[in-house]
Amino acid sequence: MFNYGYTCYQAERARTPAEQREADAQLGQLFAALGQVLGSLARPVHALRRHSGAGPLGRRACMPAG
């Protein structure tokens, strides 16, 4: 069974400045890692779009005849 009383206590009490700095640092590290993962996943997509000549929506641009 989950202890809701302690969870409510943790949510209601004010954090000390040191605890807040630590939480902010951990959150920053989490988002930095997430950014690296998403960047590495997006790199191949950007390369495919660059080499296919497709526009931002995946459609080829209309080339004027001539």
Protein backbone atom coordinates (compact mmCIF):
# COMPACT_ATOMS: atom_id res chain seq x y z
CA MET A 1 0.00 0.00 0.00
CA PHE A 2 1.27 3.45 -0.84
CA ASN A 3 1.90 5.86 2.03
CA TYR A 4 -0.06 8.97 1.01
CA GLY A 5 0.61 10.79 4.28
CA TYR A 6 4.34 11.06 3.62
CA THR A 7 3.73 12.08 0.00
CA CYS A 8 1.45 14.91 1.12
CA TYR A 9 4.06 15.99 3.67
CA GLN A 10 6.75 16.12 0.99
CA ALA A 11 4.48 18.08 -1.36
CA GLU A 12 3.43 20.61 1.27
CA ARG A 13 6.71 21.37 3.00
CA ALA A 14 8.96 24.08 1.63
CA ARG A 15 12.30 22.98 0.25
CA THR A 16 15.51 24.45 1.53
CA PRO A 17 17.56 26.44 -1.00
CA ALA A 18 20.10 23.60 -1.14
CA GLU A 19 17.35 21.05 -1.87
CA GLN A 20 15.93 23.30 -4.60
CA ARG A 21 19.36 23.75 -6.21
CA GLU A 22 19.88 19.98 -6.19
CA ALA A 23 16.45 19.37 -7.74
CA ASP A 24 17.15 22.01 -10.41
CA ALA A 25 20.55 20.47 -11.19
CA GLN A 26 19.02 17.00 -11.55
CA LEU A 27 16.26 18.35 -13.78
CA GLY A 28 18.84 20.14 -15.92
CA GLN A 29 20.85 16.94 -16.32
CA LEU A 30 17.71 15.03 -17.25
CA PHE A 31 16.75 17.52 -19.96
CA ALA A 32 20.33 17.69 -21.27
CA ALA A 33 20.31 13.90 -21.69
CA LEU A 34 16.88 14.05 -23.31
CA GLY A 35 18.10 16.72 -25.71
CA GLN A 36 21.06 14.56 -26.72
CA VAL A 37 18.80 11.57 -27.38
CA LEU A 38 16.31 13.60 -29.40
CA GLY A 39 19.12 15.29 -31.31
CA SER A 40 20.67 11.97 -32.23
CA LEU A 41 17.27 10.69 -33.38
CA ALA A 42 16.59 13.81 -35.45
CA ARG A 43 19.96 13.82 -37.20
CA PRO A 44 19.11 11.03 -39.69
CA VAL A 45 15.75 12.65 -40.46
CA HIS A 46 17.43 15.95 -41.25
CA ALA A 47 19.97 14.18 -43.46
CA LEU A 48 17.22 12.41 -45.40
CA ARG A 49 15.31 15.63 -45.94
CA ARG A 50 18.46 17.44 -47.04
CA HIS A 51 19.32 14.80 -49.68
CA SER A 52 15.80 14.12 -50.95
CA GLY A 53 15.04 17.70 -51.97
CA ALA A 54 11.77 17.57 -50.09
CA GLY A 55 10.40 20.64 -48.37
CA PRO A 56 9.50 20.92 -44.70
CA LEU A 57 6.26 18.97 -45.23
CA GLY A 58 7.87 16.22 -47.27
CA ARG A 59 6.58 17.51 -50.61
CA ARG A 60 8.87 18.27 -53.48
CA ALA A 61 8.97 21.86 -54.64
CA CYS A 62 7.36 22.60 -58.01
CA MET A 63 10.10 23.26 -60.53
CA PRO A 64 9.28 25.75 -63.31
CA ALA A 65 9.46 24.23 -66.78
CA GLY A 66 12.14 25.67 -68.90
